[in-house]
Protein backbone atom coordinates (compact mmCIF):
# COMPACT_ATOMS: atom_id res chain seq x y z
CA UNK A 1 -7.10 -37.16 -73.44
CA UNK A 2 -7.33 -38.79 -70.05
CA UNK A 3 -9.84 -41.59 -69.75
CA UNK A 4 -12.75 -41.48 -67.33
CA UNK A 5 -10.90 -43.48 -64.70
CA UNK A 6 -8.06 -40.94 -64.59
CA UNK A 7 -10.52 -38.04 -64.47
CA UNK A 8 -12.37 -39.64 -61.55
CA UNK A 9 -9.08 -40.17 -59.72
CA UNK A 10 -8.06 -36.54 -60.23
CA UNK A 11 -11.51 -35.40 -59.10
CA UNK A 12 -11.18 -37.46 -55.92
CA UNK A 13 -7.77 -35.94 -55.18
CA UNK A 14 -9.14 -32.43 -55.76
CA UNK A 15 -12.17 -33.11 -53.56
CA UNK A 16 -9.97 -34.25 -50.68
CA UNK A 17 -7.63 -31.31 -51.20
CA UNK A 18 -10.60 -28.94 -51.11
CA UNK A 19 -11.62 -30.23 -47.69
CA UNK A 20 -8.13 -30.01 -46.24
CA UNK A 21 -7.41 -26.53 -47.59
CA UNK A 22 -10.80 -25.06 -46.73
CA UNK A 23 -11.26 -26.45 -43.24
CA UNK A 24 -9.77 -23.42 -41.52
CA UNK A 25 -11.42 -20.92 -43.86
CA UNK A 26 -15.06 -21.86 -43.33
CA UNK A 27 -17.41 -21.24 -40.42
CA UNK A 28 -17.89 -24.62 -38.83
CA UNK A 29 -21.11 -26.53 -38.65
CA UNK A 30 -20.79 -29.73 -36.67
CA UNK A 31 -22.59 -33.05 -36.34
CA UNK A 32 -22.11 -36.11 -34.17
CA UNK A 33 -20.61 -39.16 -35.84
CA UNK A 34 -23.58 -41.25 -34.68
CA UNK A 35 -26.05 -38.78 -36.21
CA UNK A 36 -24.76 -38.77 -39.78
CA UNK A 37 -27.59 -39.05 -42.34
CA UNK A 38 -27.36 -41.93 -44.78
CA UNK A 39 -25.19 -41.04 -47.74
CA UNK A 40 -21.73 -40.92 -49.24
CA UNK A 41 -19.26 -38.27 -48.13
CA UNK A 42 -15.73 -37.16 -48.79
CA UNK A 43 -13.81 -37.31 -45.53
CA UNK A 44 -10.88 -35.02 -44.69
CA UNK A 45 -8.60 -34.09 -41.79
CA UNK A 46 -7.11 -30.77 -40.75
CA UNK A 47 -5.39 -29.90 -37.48
CA UNK A 48 -6.45 -33.26 -36.04
CA UNK A 49 -10.12 -32.53 -36.75
CA UNK A 50 -12.24 -34.58 -39.14
CA UNK A 51 -14.66 -33.00 -41.60
CA UNK A 52 -17.11 -34.29 -44.19
CA UNK A 53 -18.32 -32.82 -47.44
CA UNK A 54 -21.48 -34.15 -49.06
CA UNK A 55 -20.36 -33.58 -52.65
CA UNK A 56 -17.74 -31.75 -54.68
CA UNK A 57 -20.44 -29.25 -55.68
CA UNK A 58 -21.05 -28.31 -52.05
CA UNK A 59 -18.69 -25.91 -50.32
CA UNK A 60 -20.09 -26.72 -46.89
CA UNK A 61 -17.69 -28.50 -44.58
CA UNK A 62 -19.12 -30.19 -41.49
CA UNK A 63 -17.02 -30.92 -38.44
CA UNK A 64 -17.46 -34.43 -37.03
CA UNK A 65 -18.05 -34.40 -33.27
CA UNK A 66 -17.81 -37.30 -30.83
CA UNK A 67 -15.65 -39.49 -33.01
CA UNK A 68 -15.78 -42.97 -31.39
CA UNK A 69 -12.56 -44.33 -29.95
CA UNK A 70 -12.58 -47.26 -32.36
CA UNK A 71 -12.74 -44.85 -35.30
CA UNK A 72 -9.90 -42.74 -33.94
CA UNK A 73 -7.80 -45.84 -33.36
CA UNK A 74 -8.53 -47.11 -36.87
CA UNK A 75 -7.15 -43.94 -38.42
CA UNK A 76 -4.24 -43.64 -36.02
CA UNK A 77 -3.21 -47.20 -36.83
CA UNK A 78 -3.66 -46.95 -40.57
CA UNK A 79 -3.12 -43.35 -41.59
CA UNK A 80 -0.48 -41.82 -39.34
CA UNK A 81 0.79 -39.52 -42.09
CA UNK A 82 -2.61 -38.65 -43.55
CA UNK A 83 -2.48 -34.96 -42.81
CA UNK A 84 1.10 -34.62 -44.00
CA UNK A 85 0.43 -36.70 -47.11
CA UNK A 86 -2.38 -35.23 -49.28
CA UNK A 87 -2.20 -38.21 -51.65
CA UNK A 88 -4.49 -40.03 -49.19
CA UNK A 89 -8.18 -39.72 -50.09
CA UNK A 90 -11.07 -40.76 -47.87
CA UNK A 91 -14.67 -41.79 -48.34
CA UNK A 92 -17.34 -42.33 -45.70
CA UNK A 93 -20.50 -44.34 -46.38
CA UNK A 94 -23.22 -43.92 -43.78
CA UNK A 95 -26.03 -46.51 -43.89
CA UNK A 96 -28.74 -47.81 -41.57
CA UNK A 97 -26.56 -50.86 -41.04
CA UNK A 98 -23.44 -49.01 -39.98
CA UNK A 99 -20.64 -46.86 -41.31
CA UNK A 100 -17.94 -47.74 -43.84
CA UNK A 101 -14.69 -45.76 -43.82
CA UNK A 102 -12.32 -46.14 -46.74
CA UNK A 103 -8.92 -44.54 -47.26
CA UNK A 104 -6.90 -44.88 -50.45
CA UNK A 105 -3.47 -43.77 -51.55
CA UNK A 106 -2.08 -44.12 -55.07
CA UNK A 107 1.64 -43.91 -55.66
CA UNK A 108 4.39 -44.75 -58.10
CA UNK A 109 5.37 -43.25 -61.46
CA UNK A 110 2.87 -43.21 -62.98
CA UNK A 111 0.43 -43.81 -60.11
CA UNK A 112 -0.22 -47.49 -60.75
CA UNK A 113 0.06 -48.82 -57.19
CA UNK A 114 -2.22 -48.29 -54.25
CA UNK A 115 -2.95 -49.10 -50.65
CA UNK A 116 -6.58 -49.20 -49.52
CA UNK A 117 -7.82 -49.60 -45.97
CA UNK A 118 -11.46 -50.12 -45.06
CA UNK A 119 -13.33 -50.40 -41.77
CA UNK A 120 -16.92 -51.35 -41.03
CA UNK A 121 -18.33 -49.81 -37.85
CA UNK A 122 -21.62 -50.42 -36.10
CA UNK A 123 -22.70 -48.27 -33.15
CA UNK A 124 -19.21 -46.81 -33.10
CA UNK A 125 -17.53 -50.22 -32.71
CA UNK A 126 -15.20 -51.72 -35.28
CA UNK A 127 -16.78 -54.87 -36.73
CA UNK A 128 -14.17 -55.66 -39.38
CA UNK A 129 -11.30 -54.00 -41.19
CA UNK A 130 -9.28 -54.94 -44.22
CA UNK A 131 -6.34 -53.72 -46.26
CA UNK A 132 -5.42 -54.20 -49.90
CA UNK A 133 -2.09 -53.34 -51.48
CA UNK A 134 -1.40 -53.63 -55.15
CA UNK A 135 -2.21 -52.33 -58.59
CA UNK A 136 -4.05 -49.01 -58.78
CA UNK A 137 -6.44 -50.13 -61.50
CA UNK A 138 -8.37 -52.45 -59.21
CA UNK A 139 -10.23 -50.69 -56.44
CA UNK A 140 -13.41 -49.16 -57.75
CA UNK A 141 -15.98 -51.07 -55.77
CA UNK A 142 -17.47 -49.00 -52.97
CA UNK A 143 -17.33 -51.54 -50.12
CA UNK A 144 -21.11 -51.13 -49.83
CA UNK A 145 -23.63 -53.24 -51.69
CA UNK A 146 -26.88 -51.64 -52.73
CA UNK A 147 -29.76 -53.21 -50.85
CA UNK A 148 -29.71 -55.11 -47.61
CA UNK A 149 -26.08 -56.21 -47.30
CA UNK A 150 -22.69 -54.69 -46.69
CA UNK A 151 -19.39 -56.16 -47.76
CA UNK A 152 -15.74 -55.53 -47.04
CA UNK A 153 -12.82 -56.86 -48.97
CA UNK A 154 -9.27 -57.58 -47.89
CA UNK A 155 -8.31 -58.62 -51.41
CA UNK A 156 -8.76 -62.34 -50.85
CA UNK A 157 -12.10 -62.77 -49.05
CA UNK A 158 -15.58 -61.33 -49.35
CA UNK A 159 -17.45 -60.64 -46.10
CA UNK A 160 -21.23 -60.20 -46.12
CA UNK A 161 -22.92 -58.76 -43.05
CA UNK A 162 -26.44 -58.36 -41.76
CA UNK A 163 -26.79 -54.55 -41.60
CA UNK A 164 -29.41 -54.78 -38.85
CA UNK A 165 -27.29 -56.77 -36.41
CA UNK A 166 -23.71 -56.52 -37.69
CA UNK A 167 -23.52 -60.33 -37.75
CA UNK A 168 -21.40 -62.01 -40.39
CA UNK A 169 -23.76 -63.83 -42.77
CA UNK A 170 -21.23 -65.29 -45.17
CA UNK A 171 -17.52 -65.35 -45.92
CA UNK A 172 -16.39 -66.21 -49.45
CA UNK A 173 -12.83 -67.33 -50.17
CA UNK A 174 -12.09 -65.87 -53.61
CA UNK A 175 -8.96 -67.97 -54.22
CA UNK A 176 -11.00 -71.12 -53.60
CA UNK A 177 -13.60 -70.09 -56.17
CA UNK A 178 -11.28 -68.75 -58.86
CA UNK A 179 -8.35 -71.06 -58.26
CA UNK A 180 -5.69 -68.36 -58.30
CA UNK A 181 -3.47 -67.01 -55.54
CA UNK A 182 -4.25 -63.40 -56.35
CA UNK A 183 -5.65 -60.16 -54.98
CA UNK A 184 -9.14 -59.33 -56.21
CA UNK A 185 -11.61 -56.49 -56.43
CA UNK A 186 -15.33 -57.21 -56.27
CA UNK A 187 -17.33 -55.37 -58.91
CA UNK A 188 -20.71 -57.12 -58.85
CA UNK A 189 -22.35 -59.66 -56.55
CA UNK A 190 -25.88 -61.02 -56.25
CA UNK A 191 -26.30 -63.93 -53.88
CA UNK A 192 -27.42 -67.07 -55.68
CA UNK A 193 -26.70 -65.52 -59.08
CA UNK A 194 -23.16 -64.34 -59.76
CA UNK A 195 -19.93 -62.84 -58.51
CA UNK A 196 -17.79 -60.65 -60.79
CA UNK A 197 -14.24 -59.89 -59.64
CA UNK A 198 -11.14 -58.26 -61.09
CA UNK A 199 -7.86 -60.17 -60.97
CA UNK A 200 -4.96 -57.94 -59.98
CA UNK A 201 -2.20 -60.15 -61.39
CA UNK A 202 -3.82 -60.65 -64.77
CA UNK A 203 -5.97 -57.51 -64.85
CA UNK A 204 -8.99 -59.36 -66.24
CA UNK A 205 -12.54 -59.87 -65.04
CA UNK A 206 -13.53 -63.30 -63.73
CA UNK A 207 -17.17 -64.32 -63.42
CA UNK A 208 -18.57 -67.06 -61.18
CA UNK A 209 -22.22 -68.07 -61.53
CA UNK A 210 -24.65 -70.40 -59.84
CA UNK A 211 -25.86 -70.94 -56.31
CA UNK A 212 -22.43 -72.22 -55.28
CA UNK A 213 -20.55 -69.95 -57.70
CA UNK A 214 -19.08 -73.06 -59.27
CA UNK A 215 -19.24 -71.98 -62.93
CA UNK A 216 -16.24 -69.74 -63.65
CA UNK A 217 -15.70 -67.93 -66.94
CA UNK A 218 -13.64 -64.99 -68.23
CA UNK A 219 -15.92 -62.45 -69.96
CA UNK A 220 -13.33 -61.29 -72.51
CA UNK A 221 -13.23 -64.81 -73.94
CA UNK A 222 -16.95 -64.54 -74.58
CA UNK A 223 -16.50 -61.28 -76.54
CA UNK A 224 -13.26 -61.44 -78.54
CA UNK A 225 -11.86 -63.79 -81.19
CA UNK A 226 -8.75 -65.94 -80.66
CA UNK A 227 -6.31 -63.43 -82.19
CA UNK A 228 -7.62 -60.62 -80.01
CA UNK A 229 -7.51 -62.82 -76.92
CA UNK A 230 -3.87 -63.69 -77.59
CA UNK A 231 -3.07 -60.01 -78.05
CA UNK A 232 -4.68 -59.23 -74.69
CA UNK A 233 -2.92 -62.07 -72.88
CA UNK A 234 0.52 -61.10 -74.22
CA UNK A 235 0.61 -57.49 -72.99
CA UNK A 236 1.44 -56.17 -69.51
CA UNK A 237 -1.44 -56.19 -67.06
CA UNK A 238 -1.00 -52.61 -65.83
CA UNK A 239 0.11 -49.55 -67.75
CA UNK A 240 -0.26 -45.95 -66.60
CA UNK A 241 -3.27 -46.71 -64.44
CA UNK A 242 -5.31 -47.75 -67.48
CA UNK A 243 -6.93 -51.18 -67.61
CA UNK A 244 -4.82 -53.16 -70.01
CA UNK A 245 -5.31 -56.90 -69.48
CA UNK A 246 -8.77 -57.48 -70.97
CA UNK A 247 -9.24 -53.71 -71.43
CA UNK A 248 -12.79 -53.90 -70.10
CA UNK A 249 -14.66 -51.75 -67.61
CA UNK A 250 -17.99 -52.72 -66.04
CA UNK A 251 -20.68 -50.18 -66.93
CA UNK A 252 -23.94 -51.54 -65.57
CA UNK A 253 -25.50 -54.52 -63.86
CA UNK A 254 -28.97 -55.04 -65.27
CA UNK A 255 -31.51 -57.82 -64.81
CA UNK A 256 -29.80 -60.94 -66.11
CA UNK A 257 -26.87 -59.23 -67.79
CA UNK A 258 -23.62 -57.35 -67.29
CA UNK A 259 -22.61 -54.57 -69.66
CA UNK A 260 -18.97 -53.60 -70.27
CA UNK A 261 -17.11 -50.90 -72.16
CA UNK A 262 -13.91 -51.69 -74.03
CA UNK A 263 -11.62 -48.86 -72.92
CA UNK A 264 -8.30 -50.25 -74.16
CA UNK A 265 -8.42 -52.77 -77.02
CA UNK A 266 -5.59 -55.26 -77.47
CA UNK A 267 -2.93 -54.15 -80.01
CA UNK A 268 -3.84 -56.88 -82.49
CA UNK A 269 -7.61 -56.75 -82.07
CA UNK A 270 -9.74 -56.21 -85.18
CA UNK A 271 -11.40 -52.82 -85.86
CA UNK A 272 -14.70 -54.31 -84.73
CA UNK A 273 -13.25 -54.33 -81.22
CA UNK A 274 -13.05 -50.56 -81.08
CA UNK A 275 -12.33 -48.37 -78.10
CA UNK A 276 -15.59 -47.25 -76.54
CA UNK A 277 -17.59 -50.20 -77.88
CA UNK A 278 -20.00 -51.85 -75.46
CA UNK A 279 -20.34 -55.56 -74.80
CA UNK A 280 -23.16 -57.35 -73.02
CA UNK A 281 -22.84 -60.68 -71.24
CA UNK A 282 -26.03 -62.58 -70.56
CA UNK A 283 -26.05 -64.30 -67.20
CA UNK A 284 -27.10 -67.91 -66.90
CA UNK A 285 -30.44 -67.58 -65.14
CA UNK A 286 -30.84 -71.36 -64.93
CA UNK A 287 -28.12 -71.53 -62.28
CA UNK A 288 -29.71 -68.94 -59.96
């Protein structure tokens, strides 16, 4: 039985395919790019026209009018074969602070590699773009932080913007914090509290805490005994698109804690470390 990650990936592919195949079969409603309501949309292209769909449960396809030149250039530069290659999927995040466009393509046998390209636009102008290439397992963050900030990731740096002005508030060098020349995903961040990232090379979560993010730990070492840790560290980091490495998946970020699910236990881990078990890590509130 496919795990949730695989099911979500298949659902995303089907959602994008629905847009592309239905674009010419539906009476068109249109909306200006600058008038998009706040929300998350699936983005699709057909016959050089861009459409959005609010959710997979909605059959309504909306034609995007007045696509800004910067947006057109972004896609022309990054996704020349998008229409010919249905393995590309697109998401659009419309917020008061601007618009995030994200395209992703998974490839390989099985699909364990990916390329992701993201652009942050404000008033139709490109503020920042980034690209990440690497293991498929690591690209689940949405490029948009809940609340008052937006972030974009190029795999090595975290950019935090003021959504009212588009000004860069902070840039965080992930290699400097975690001490590894790696490509990272960002799964959870609260300024002055913590930063949780996924290491692509090792396929494990790394957690930095404190005002300067100077306290770095690896959550799996907080949860599992020495034998289980060794079992995790000895196996390949990526296998069939399933998180191997530490085998963990972030479930929720609650006040003062992070909750994970163990989706792929190490081969020598005790029965107490069962698939589907949940593990909670208390954050160090004294360092906030």
